[in-house]
Amino acid sequence: MKLKIGIIEDIHEDGIKLLENQPDFDYEIIKNISKDNLIKRLPEFDAITLRNIPLGIDILPYCKKLKVVSRHGVGFDNVDTKFLKENNIKLLITASANAVAVAEHVMFMILNISKGKTLYDNAVRSGDFRSKVFKNETFELSNKHVLIIGFGRIGKNLIKKLKGFDMKVSVYDPFIESNTIESFGGTKIENLDNVLSDIDIFTIHTPLNSKTKNLITLDRLNKMKKNTVIINTARGGIINENDLDKALNDNIIFAAGLDVFEKEPPNLNNPLLKNNKVLLSPHSATFTKECSSRMSIQAVQNIIDFFKKKIDDYMVVKL
């Protein structure tokens, strides 16, 4: 009997094509992601791919056949990992698929903020060709000090791009040895608070968990320089959004770039949506055609490899 895979929400066609060529598997794409439909349909599947919808205790107990959840991405804060562990359901991630796209998105945000892209573009389009040019606080990236929080595959990819702009890079990651960071041209930071006053650009690449939630609050923002730029393409909730809005409005820091929010989509009354010191994107750092293809293929391949007992350890989340 074939194993049945549920594809929750659409994925790139390359992942579907991979499944179509697997004689041991059947699949179905579940586009109706209402709670009632998921409770009704998910009990049919031996494995599922998962994008952004919550998969918690209100749905998982119905999934009696489920053996593996394959995340279409690397974060898994939308999954009840306690239930998975207690019921011996494995959790897989597309560990190597998104590093390039996210690192490039960070550079996109840094360059937009540092070069005043939005103001300049609007000035030309509105016919205001010169009056605002000299009022905009643009700056060069050369010799600026960047702090990377989290030195996984994204951090390692990003540091190469930062070094290409002649930037000084420090890394805060308690789980990575100094010699590894130094081999990429960075410097390991042991105490986060001791370096905040020296940082020009601060970029976050760590999971959201009990230790990283509200990692950046007004207390730490107050320790930063007035020209500091904060970029978050990891998870909302790592930066306290109200504190960030206050820090920007009170000129405690210079600017921010956010691809992620504590609530997604953010409420329209979220003050950050009206703050012109923030560059926003809709959790889209991985939305390149190349990355979408890689993640779909890897999410599916992980399930295939799991059942064939040849899954790479770095794709398996240690619950």
Protein backbone atom coordinates (compact mmCIF):
# COMPACT_ATOMS: atom_id res chain seq x y z
CA MET A 1 0.00 0.00 0.00
CA LYS A 2 1.30 3.43 -0.93
CA LEU A 3 2.13 5.99 1.73
CA LYS A 4 -0.03 9.10 1.52
CA ILE A 5 1.43 12.60 1.76
CA GLY A 6 -0.63 15.71 2.42
CA ILE A 7 0.71 18.91 0.88
CA ILE A 8 -0.81 21.62 3.09
CA GLU A 9 -1.02 24.78 0.96
CA ASP A 10 0.53 25.07 -2.47
CA ILE A 11 4.24 24.55 -2.96
CA HIS A 12 6.43 25.12 -6.01
CA GLU A 13 5.72 22.76 -8.89
CA ASP A 14 9.23 21.28 -8.74
CA GLY A 15 8.39 19.61 -5.43
CA ILE A 16 5.17 18.21 -6.88
CA LYS A 17 7.03 16.86 -9.90
CA LEU A 18 9.39 15.04 -7.57
CA LEU A 19 6.44 13.35 -5.88
CA GLU A 20 4.85 12.41 -9.17
CA ASN A 21 7.90 10.29 -9.97
CA GLN A 22 7.75 8.33 -6.70
CA PRO A 23 5.89 5.02 -7.12
CA ASP A 24 5.69 4.39 -3.37
CA PHE A 25 3.79 7.57 -2.55
CA ASP A 26 0.43 9.16 -3.26
CA TYR A 27 -0.16 12.81 -2.51
CA GLU A 28 -2.91 15.39 -2.27
CA ILE A 29 -2.70 19.16 -2.07
CA ILE A 30 -4.87 20.56 0.73
CA LYS A 31 -5.86 24.10 -0.21
CA ASN A 32 -8.69 24.50 2.28
CA ILE A 33 -6.72 25.16 5.47
CA SER A 34 -9.66 25.86 7.76
CA LYS A 35 -9.41 24.10 11.10
CA ASP A 36 -12.51 22.01 10.41
CA ASN A 37 -11.18 20.78 7.08
CA LEU A 38 -7.76 19.95 8.50
CA ILE A 39 -9.35 17.94 11.31
CA LYS A 40 -11.38 16.11 8.70
CA ARG A 41 -8.61 15.46 6.16
CA LEU A 42 -5.28 15.14 7.98
CA PRO A 43 -6.07 11.75 9.59
CA GLU A 44 -5.70 10.26 6.09
CA PHE A 45 -1.99 11.05 5.79
CA ASP A 46 1.22 9.33 6.85
CA ALA A 47 3.19 12.54 6.29
CA ILE A 48 2.50 16.21 5.64
CA THR A 49 4.39 19.22 4.40
CA LEU A 50 3.73 22.39 6.38
CA ARG A 51 4.20 26.05 5.54
CA ASN A 52 2.92 28.77 7.87
CA ILE A 53 -0.39 27.60 9.33
CA PRO A 54 -0.45 26.66 13.05
CA LEU A 55 -0.40 22.94 13.72
CA GLY A 56 -1.26 22.55 17.37
CA ILE A 57 -3.05 20.52 19.98
CA ASP A 58 -6.43 21.41 18.46
CA ILE A 59 -5.58 19.44 15.29
CA LEU A 60 -2.71 17.02 15.93
CA PRO A 61 -4.59 14.50 18.16
CA TYR A 62 -6.76 13.63 15.16
CA CYS A 63 -3.73 12.70 13.05
CA LYS A 64 -3.50 9.05 14.12
CA LYS A 65 -1.47 7.90 11.09
CA LEU A 66 0.96 10.82 11.07
CA LYS A 67 4.62 9.82 11.32
CA VAL A 68 6.45 12.90 10.06
CA VAL A 69 5.93 16.65 9.54
CA SER A 70 8.17 18.24 6.91
CA ARG A 71 8.45 22.01 7.32
CA HIS A 72 8.68 24.07 4.14
CA GLY A 73 11.31 26.26 5.82
CA VAL A 74 13.52 26.21 8.91
CA GLY A 75 11.41 27.79 11.67
CA PHE A 76 8.95 25.59 13.54
CA ASP A 77 7.32 27.85 16.12
CA ASN A 78 3.96 27.14 14.41
CA VAL A 79 4.14 23.45 15.42
CA ASP A 80 3.33 21.90 18.80
CA THR A 81 6.70 20.20 19.26
CA LYS A 82 5.71 18.81 22.66
CA PHE A 83 2.93 16.78 21.08
CA LEU A 84 5.24 15.60 18.30
CA LYS A 85 7.83 14.42 20.80
CA GLU A 86 5.31 12.64 23.02
CA ASN A 87 3.82 10.83 20.03
CA ASN A 88 7.11 10.03 18.26
CA ILE A 89 6.27 12.14 15.22
CA LYS A 90 9.42 13.40 13.54
CA LEU A 91 9.88 17.03 12.51
CA LEU A 92 12.02 17.81 9.46
CA ILE A 93 13.20 21.18 8.11
CA THR A 94 14.58 22.39 4.78
CA ALA A 95 17.84 23.24 6.48
CA SER A 96 19.93 24.23 3.47
CA ALA A 97 17.34 25.69 1.10
CA ASN A 98 16.84 29.31 2.18
CA ALA A 99 20.25 30.67 3.22
CA VAL A 100 21.03 32.49 -0.03
CA ALA A 101 17.62 34.14 -0.38
CA VAL A 102 17.44 35.35 3.22
CA ALA A 103 21.03 36.65 3.22
CA GLU A 104 20.32 38.57 0.01
CA HIS A 105 17.12 39.99 1.54
CA VAL A 106 19.12 41.29 4.49
CA MET A 107 21.48 43.03 2.07
CA PHE A 108 18.47 44.42 0.18
CA MET A 109 17.18 45.96 3.41
CA ILE A 110 20.57 47.29 4.50
CA LEU A 111 21.22 48.87 1.11
CA ASN A 112 17.74 50.39 0.88
CA ILE A 113 18.06 51.97 4.31
CA SER A 114 21.66 53.13 3.93
CA LYS A 115 21.13 54.68 0.50
CA GLY A 116 17.72 56.27 1.05
CA LYS A 117 16.08 54.34 -1.77
CA THR A 118 12.45 55.09 -0.84
CA LEU A 119 12.97 58.83 -0.37
CA TYR A 120 15.06 59.18 -3.52
CA ASP A 121 12.65 57.17 -5.65
CA ASN A 122 9.65 59.15 -4.41
CA ALA A 123 11.48 62.45 -4.97
CA VAL A 124 12.16 61.72 -8.62
CA ARG A 125 8.66 60.41 -9.30
CA SER A 126 7.04 63.45 -7.68
CA GLY A 127 9.19 65.97 -9.56
CA ASP A 128 10.97 67.01 -6.36
CA PHE A 129 14.34 66.24 -7.93
CA ARG A 130 16.74 67.98 -5.58
CA SER A 131 15.24 69.60 -2.48
CA LYS A 132 15.28 66.46 -0.30
CA VAL A 133 18.55 64.99 -1.51
CA PHE A 134 20.77 66.77 1.00
CA LYS A 135 18.33 66.23 3.88
CA ASN A 136 18.51 62.45 3.65
CA GLU A 137 20.90 60.74 6.06
CA THR A 138 22.53 58.23 3.75
CA PHE A 139 25.71 56.45 4.77
CA GLU A 140 28.41 54.16 3.43
CA LEU A 141 28.67 50.53 4.49
CA SER A 142 32.45 50.37 4.35
CA ASN A 143 34.01 50.01 7.83
CA LYS A 144 30.63 49.78 9.55
CA HIS A 145 30.36 47.27 12.41
CA VAL A 146 27.72 44.55 11.95
CA LEU A 147 26.52 42.14 14.63
CA ILE A 148 25.00 38.86 13.43
CA ILE A 149 22.82 37.10 16.02
CA GLY A 150 22.86 33.39 15.16
CA PHE A 151 25.49 31.80 12.94
CA GLY A 152 23.73 29.00 11.12
CA ARG A 153 23.64 28.64 7.35
CA ILE A 154 22.05 32.07 6.85
CA GLY A 155 24.58 33.80 9.07
CA LYS A 156 27.46 32.04 7.31
CA ASN A 157 26.11 33.07 3.91
CA LEU A 158 25.48 36.63 5.03
CA ILE A 159 28.95 37.24 6.47
CA LYS A 160 30.53 36.66 3.06
CA LYS A 161 28.35 39.39 1.56
CA LEU A 162 29.05 41.79 4.42
CA LYS A 163 32.79 41.25 4.12
CA GLY A 164 32.47 42.03 0.42
CA PHE A 165 31.39 45.53 1.46
CA ASP A 166 34.48 45.86 3.71
CA MET A 167 32.40 45.69 6.88
CA LYS A 168 33.60 44.59 10.29
CA VAL A 169 31.52 41.63 11.50
CA SER A 170 30.96 40.27 15.00
CA VAL A 171 28.84 37.22 15.78
CA TYR A 172 26.84 36.32 18.87
CA ASP A 173 26.05 32.60 18.96
CA PRO A 174 26.77 30.62 22.15
CA PHE A 175 26.68 27.34 20.21
CA ILE A 176 29.39 28.15 17.64
CA GLU A 177 33.10 27.99 18.41
CA SER A 178 35.35 31.02 17.96
CA ASN A 179 37.55 29.31 15.37
CA THR A 180 34.54 28.61 13.14
CA ILE A 181 33.45 32.26 13.23
CA GLU A 182 37.02 33.46 12.69
CA SER A 183 37.37 31.19 9.65
CA PHE A 184 34.60 33.26 8.03
CA GLY A 185 36.28 36.55 8.96
CA GLY A 186 34.18 37.35 12.01
CA THR A 187 34.79 37.83 15.72
CA LYS A 188 32.90 35.86 18.37
CA ILE A 189 31.07 37.91 21.01
CA GLU A 190 30.61 36.27 24.40
CA ASN A 191 28.36 38.89 26.01
CA LEU A 192 25.68 40.56 23.91
CA ASP A 193 25.25 43.61 26.13
CA ASN A 194 28.94 44.46 26.11
CA VAL A 195 29.01 45.10 22.35
CA LEU A 196 25.70 46.91 21.72
CA SER A 197 27.17 50.39 22.07
CA ASP A 198 29.62 49.72 19.24
CA ILE A 199 27.24 48.25 16.65
CA ASP A 200 26.10 50.05 13.49
CA ILE A 201 23.94 47.27 12.03
CA PHE A 202 22.26 44.49 13.97
CA THR A 203 20.78 41.49 12.10
CA ILE A 204 18.88 38.57 13.67
CA HIS A 205 19.07 34.94 12.53
CA THR A 206 17.95 32.84 15.46
CA PRO A 207 14.79 30.80 16.14
CA LEU A 208 11.97 32.14 18.31
CA ASN A 209 11.90 30.30 21.61
CA SER A 210 11.67 31.01 25.34
CA LYS A 211 15.25 32.31 25.39
CA THR A 212 14.99 34.59 22.34
CA LYS A 213 11.47 36.00 22.79
CA ASN A 214 11.86 39.73 23.57
CA LEU A 215 15.62 39.37 23.18
CA ILE A 216 15.62 43.02 22.08
CA THR A 217 13.70 45.35 24.37
CA LEU A 218 13.93 49.04 25.15
CA ASP A 219 16.63 48.31 27.72
CA ARG A 220 18.95 46.93 25.03
CA LEU A 221 17.85 49.46 22.42
CA ASN A 222 18.93 52.21 24.82
CA LYS A 223 22.45 50.75 24.83
CA MET A 224 22.78 51.17 21.05
CA LYS A 225 24.12 54.10 19.07
CA LYS A 226 21.75 56.61 17.50
CA ASN A 227 22.85 55.51 14.02
CA THR A 228 22.11 51.80 14.63
CA VAL A 229 20.01 49.90 12.09
CA ILE A 230 18.20 46.71 13.15
CA ILE A 231 17.20 44.03 10.62
CA ASN A 232 14.93 41.09 11.50
CA THR A 233 14.24 38.39 8.91
CA ALA A 234 14.04 35.59 11.50
CA ARG A 235 10.85 35.61 13.58
CA GLY A 236 8.56 38.24 15.00
CA GLY A 237 8.62 38.43 18.78
CA ILE A 238 12.40 38.41 19.06
CA ILE A 239 12.22 42.21 19.00
CA ASN A 240 9.57 43.80 21.20
CA GLU A 241 7.57 45.74 18.61
CA ASN A 242 6.27 48.47 20.94
CA ASP A 243 9.76 49.08 22.27
CA LEU A 244 11.17 49.25 18.75
CA ASP A 245 8.54 51.79 17.70
CA LYS A 246 9.37 53.96 20.71
CA ALA A 247 13.12 53.69 20.07
CA LEU A 248 12.64 54.85 16.48
CA ASN A 249 10.28 57.69 17.36
CA ASP A 250 12.57 58.92 20.15
CA ASN A 251 15.67 58.74 17.91
CA ILE A 252 17.27 56.13 20.14
CA ILE A 253 18.22 54.18 16.99
CA PHE A 254 18.21 55.21 13.33
CA ALA A 255 16.10 52.69 11.39
CA ALA A 256 14.83 49.13 11.12
CA GLY A 257 14.05 46.58 8.45
CA LEU A 258 11.39 43.99 9.30
CA ASP A 259 10.35 40.96 7.27
CA VAL A 260 8.62 39.30 10.24
CA PHE A 261 6.08 40.35 12.85
CA GLU A 262 4.79 39.10 16.18
CA LYS A 263 1.36 38.62 14.58
CA GLU A 264 1.19 37.81 10.88
CA PRO A 265 -0.27 39.51 9.05
CA PRO A 266 0.21 42.43 11.46
CA ASN A 267 -2.84 44.36 12.61
CA LEU A 268 -3.38 47.50 10.58
CA ASN A 269 -3.17 49.52 13.81
CA ASN A 270 0.34 48.21 14.50
CA PRO A 271 2.29 51.49 14.88
CA LEU A 272 5.27 50.11 12.98
CA LEU A 273 3.17 50.08 9.80
CA LYS A 274 2.96 53.88 9.98
CA ASN A 275 6.53 54.47 11.09
CA ASN A 276 8.54 55.88 8.19
CA LYS A 277 11.80 54.78 9.81
CA VAL A 278 10.95 51.13 9.15
CA LEU A 279 11.39 49.26 5.87
CA LEU A 280 8.77 46.48 5.73
CA SER A 281 8.32 43.29 3.74
CA PRO A 282 5.63 40.58 4.17
CA HIS A 283 7.68 37.62 5.50
CA SER A 284 8.94 37.26 1.96
CA ALA A 285 12.72 36.86 2.33
CA THR A 286 12.52 33.35 0.88
CA PHE A 287 10.14 34.26 -1.96
CA THR A 288 12.61 33.99 -4.81
CA LYS A 289 11.79 31.53 -7.56
CA GLU A 290 15.03 29.66 -6.89
CA CYS A 291 14.45 29.39 -3.14
CA SER A 292 10.79 28.38 -3.58
CA SER A 293 11.93 25.58 -5.85
CA ARG A 294 14.66 24.41 -3.47
CA MET A 295 12.37 24.43 -0.45
CA SER A 296 9.60 22.51 -2.20
CA ILE A 297 12.04 19.87 -3.44
CA GLN A 298 13.75 19.55 -0.07
CA ALA A 299 10.47 19.39 1.88
CA VAL A 300 9.33 16.51 -0.31
CA GLN A 301 12.73 14.81 -0.50
CA ASN A 302 12.95 14.87 3.28
CA ILE A 303 9.75 12.82 3.52
CA ILE A 304 10.98 10.36 0.91
CA ASP A 305 14.34 10.01 2.65
CA PHE A 306 12.66 9.61 6.03
CA PHE A 307 10.59 6.63 4.93
CA LYS A 308 13.56 5.14 3.08
CA LYS A 309 15.62 5.56 6.29
CA LYS A 310 18.29 7.76 4.74
CA ILE A 311 17.35 11.18 6.06
CA ASP A 312 20.30 13.49 6.83
CA ASP A 313 20.57 14.26 10.55
CA TYR A 314 20.78 18.03 9.98
CA MET A 315 17.28 17.96 8.48
CA VAL A 316 15.84 16.44 11.69
CA VAL A 317 14.82 18.72 14.55
CA LYS A 318 15.98 17.36 17.89
CA LEU A 319 12.79 17.53 19.95
